[in-house]
Protein backbone atom coordinates (compact mmCIF):
# COMPACT_ATOMS: atom_id res chain seq x y z
CA MET A 1 -0.73 -74.15 -26.33
CA LYS A 2 0.49 -77.02 -28.45
CA HIS A 3 0.89 -80.47 -26.92
CA ASP A 4 4.67 -80.38 -27.57
CA THR A 5 4.99 -77.15 -25.62
CA VAL A 6 3.04 -78.56 -22.68
CA GLU A 7 5.19 -81.69 -22.62
CA THR A 8 8.39 -79.65 -22.82
CA ARG A 9 7.28 -77.47 -19.92
CA LYS A 10 6.49 -80.57 -17.86
CA LYS A 11 9.92 -82.05 -18.60
CA VAL A 12 11.69 -78.80 -17.72
CA ALA A 13 9.73 -78.51 -14.46
CA ALA A 14 10.57 -82.10 -13.56
CA HIS A 15 14.26 -81.52 -14.31
CA ARG A 16 14.31 -78.40 -12.14
CA ALA A 17 12.57 -80.25 -9.33
CA ARG A 18 15.19 -83.04 -9.47
CA GLN A 19 18.00 -80.50 -9.34
CA ILE A 20 16.47 -78.75 -6.32
CA ALA A 21 15.91 -82.10 -4.60
CA ALA A 22 19.61 -82.85 -5.15
CA GLY A 23 20.54 -79.62 -3.37
CA ARG A 24 21.42 -77.67 -6.49
CA ILE A 25 20.22 -74.21 -7.52
CA ALA A 26 20.35 -72.36 -10.81
CA LEU A 27 22.90 -69.58 -11.17
CA THR A 28 22.64 -67.04 -13.96
CA THR A 29 25.36 -64.53 -14.68
CA TYR A 30 27.04 -62.62 -17.46
CA VAL A 31 30.69 -63.33 -18.27
CA PRO A 32 33.08 -61.73 -20.75
CA THR A 33 33.16 -63.41 -24.14
CA ASP A 34 36.87 -64.21 -23.87
CA LEU A 35 36.29 -66.07 -20.60
CA LEU A 36 33.40 -67.99 -22.13
CA ALA A 37 35.60 -68.93 -25.09
CA GLU A 38 38.19 -70.37 -22.69
CA ILE A 39 35.49 -72.32 -20.84
CA ASP A 40 34.29 -73.71 -24.17
CA LYS A 41 37.84 -74.78 -25.09
CA ILE A 42 38.13 -76.71 -21.82
CA LYS A 43 34.69 -78.19 -22.41
CA GLU A 44 35.72 -79.45 -25.84
CA GLN A 45 39.04 -80.82 -24.56
CA ARG A 46 37.29 -82.79 -21.83
CA GLY A 47 34.40 -83.86 -24.01
CA VAL A 48 31.73 -82.75 -21.56
CA PRO A 49 28.31 -81.83 -22.95
CA GLY A 50 27.92 -78.52 -21.11
CA ARG A 51 29.66 -75.69 -19.33
CA ALA A 52 28.24 -76.40 -15.87
CA PRO A 53 30.85 -78.97 -14.76
CA ILE A 54 33.69 -76.67 -15.82
CA ILE A 55 32.22 -73.66 -14.03
CA GLU A 56 31.44 -75.74 -10.92
CA GLU A 57 35.03 -77.00 -10.79
CA ALA A 58 36.41 -73.48 -11.19
CA LEU A 59 34.22 -72.22 -8.34
CA ARG A 60 35.29 -75.10 -6.09
CA LEU A 61 38.97 -74.42 -6.82
CA LEU A 62 38.53 -70.72 -6.04
CA ILE A 63 36.78 -71.49 -2.75
CA GLU A 64 39.41 -74.07 -1.77
CA LYS A 65 42.16 -71.55 -2.54
CA GLN A 66 40.41 -68.92 -0.46
CA HIS A 67 40.17 -71.31 2.50
CA ARG A 68 43.91 -71.99 2.32
CA THR A 69 44.80 -68.30 2.68
């Protein structure tokens, strides 16, 4: 294995460990392309680097709405 690959794997493992230590877990799912396009539009409008904050906010809003009913 090349040195670059080993270093990349170490960095990814360290990132994952920090996320777990912060109480976060990875979530993988499939979404329709039209929904993803809308998420990407919001991402661009807000100038955020990734989709995660948008998806996290949407999940929080859904859960809050569910608790109100």
